[in-house]
Protein backbone atom coordinates (compact mmCIF):
# COMPACT_ATOMS: atom_id res chain seq x y z
CA MET A 1 -23.71 72.45 41.21
CA SER A 2 -24.03 74.45 38.03
CA LYS A 3 -21.14 74.06 35.59
CA VAL A 4 -21.43 77.77 34.82
CA ARG A 5 -20.82 78.66 38.47
CA VAL A 6 -17.90 76.23 38.72
CA SER A 7 -16.24 77.74 35.65
CA ARG A 8 -16.84 81.29 36.92
CA VAL A 9 -15.27 80.40 40.28
CA GLY A 10 -12.32 78.83 38.43
CA GLU A 11 -11.74 81.95 36.35
CA GLN A 12 -11.97 84.21 39.41
CA MET A 13 -9.54 81.96 41.26
CA LYS A 14 -7.12 82.11 38.33
CA LYS A 15 -7.18 85.91 38.40
CA GLU A 16 -6.76 86.13 42.17
CA LEU A 17 -4.02 83.47 42.27
CA SER A 18 -2.00 85.37 39.68
CA GLN A 19 -2.20 88.54 41.75
CA ILE A 20 -1.39 86.78 45.04
CA ILE A 21 1.63 84.97 43.60
CA GLN A 22 3.02 88.07 41.87
CA ARG A 23 2.40 90.63 44.60
CA GLU A 24 2.17 88.86 47.95
CA LEU A 25 4.67 85.99 47.84
CA LYS A 26 8.25 86.99 48.52
CA ASP A 27 9.89 83.57 48.15
CA PRO A 28 13.03 83.83 45.95
CA ARG A 29 12.55 80.23 44.75
CA ILE A 30 9.47 81.26 42.79
CA GLY A 31 10.59 82.07 39.27
CA PHE A 32 8.73 83.71 36.44
CA LEU A 33 5.45 81.83 36.33
CA THR A 34 2.06 82.13 34.74
CA VAL A 35 -1.17 80.63 36.04
CA THR A 36 -2.55 79.08 32.85
CA GLY A 37 -5.70 77.52 34.24
CA VAL A 38 -7.69 76.40 37.26
CA GLU A 39 -9.93 73.33 37.28
CA VAL A 40 -12.37 73.37 40.18
CA SER A 41 -14.23 70.22 41.22
CA GLY A 42 -18.03 70.24 41.08
CA ASP A 43 -18.38 70.56 44.86
CA LEU A 44 -15.78 73.39 45.03
CA GLN A 45 -13.61 71.42 47.46
CA LEU A 46 -10.57 70.93 45.22
CA ALA A 47 -8.83 73.17 42.70
CA LYS A 48 -6.07 72.05 40.34
CA VAL A 49 -3.91 75.04 39.48
CA PHE A 50 -1.96 74.69 36.25
CA ILE A 51 1.20 76.77 36.03
CA SER A 52 3.80 77.41 33.39
CA VAL A 53 7.32 78.31 34.56
CA LEU A 54 9.95 79.95 32.41
CA GLY A 55 13.37 78.48 33.11
CA SER A 56 15.27 75.26 33.63
CA GLU A 57 13.94 72.05 35.15
CA GLU A 58 15.58 72.92 38.47
CA GLN A 59 13.81 76.30 38.55
CA LYS A 60 10.51 74.58 37.77
CA VAL A 61 10.94 72.11 40.62
CA ASN A 62 12.00 74.86 43.04
CA THR A 63 8.96 76.93 42.08
CA LEU A 64 6.63 73.99 42.66
CA ILE A 65 8.22 73.31 46.07
CA ALA A 66 7.89 76.97 47.07
CA LEU A 67 4.23 77.06 46.00
CA SER A 68 3.53 73.90 47.98
CA LYS A 69 5.11 75.47 51.08
CA ALA A 70 3.05 78.65 50.62
CA LYS A 71 -0.22 76.77 49.99
CA GLY A 72 -1.67 77.69 53.41
CA PHE A 73 -0.96 81.39 52.94
CA ILE A 74 -2.36 81.33 49.41
CA ARG A 75 -5.55 79.58 50.58
CA SER A 76 -6.07 82.10 53.37
CA GLU A 77 -5.63 85.00 50.94
CA MET A 78 -8.05 83.33 48.51
CA GLY A 79 -10.57 82.98 51.33
CA LYS A 80 -10.34 86.71 52.04
CA ARG A 81 -10.76 87.70 48.40
CA ILE A 82 -13.39 85.22 47.19
CA ARG A 83 -16.47 84.71 49.33
CA LEU A 84 -17.06 80.96 49.43
CA ARG A 85 -18.27 78.80 52.28
CA HIS A 86 -15.15 76.60 51.99
CA THR A 87 -11.92 77.64 50.30
CA PRO A 88 -10.88 74.88 47.88
CA ASP A 89 -7.75 72.86 48.56
CA LEU A 90 -5.06 73.77 46.01
CA ILE A 91 -3.02 71.31 43.97
CA PHE A 92 -0.28 72.83 41.81
CA LYS A 93 0.62 71.10 38.54
CA PHE A 94 2.76 71.97 35.55
CA ASP A 95 0.94 72.84 32.35
CA GLU A 96 2.69 70.81 29.69
CA SER A 97 0.48 72.06 26.84
CA ILE A 98 2.69 75.07 26.02
CA GLU A 99 5.84 72.94 25.76
CA TYR A 100 3.89 70.36 23.75
CA GLY A 101 2.70 73.07 21.34
CA ASN A 102 6.24 74.42 20.94
CA ARG A 103 7.51 70.91 20.17
CA ILE A 104 4.86 70.39 17.48
CA GLU A 105 5.64 73.79 15.96
CA SER A 106 9.38 73.03 15.78
CA LEU A 107 8.66 69.64 14.14
CA LEU A 108 6.44 71.32 11.54
CA GLN A 109 9.16 73.88 10.81
CA GLN A 110 11.69 71.06 10.30
CA ILE A 111 9.32 69.35 7.86
CA ASN A 112 8.83 72.61 5.94
CA ARG A 113 12.61 73.17 5.72
CA LYS A 114 13.11 69.64 4.34
CA ASP A 115 10.38 70.20 1.75
CA GLU A 116 11.98 73.49 0.64
CA GLU A 117 15.42 71.83 0.31
CA GLU A 118 14.03 69.08 -1.91
């Protein structure tokens, strides 16, 4: 399948997932989260959804559990909104890139402070 189509489907899924999670899900375990990316397999059967959650580790785990429980509802809503022959199976994962970037930035700031002190 065309890589262009796969990336377009991924971007559309990202947009729809954000709306479904913010407006349709009423689970109190779901904290403040952002859908940072969606990787769809070439045959459109599997979609890895990368999320970033603001809060403690416990809130992150609770959010992931709540999303896993609501996976069926989210898939059915996706099927209604995006016209595909088969709605991809969803796998939710944490996006560690934001935390990694913040860690690198804080290390660079520490290095700059040390250079200014010397």
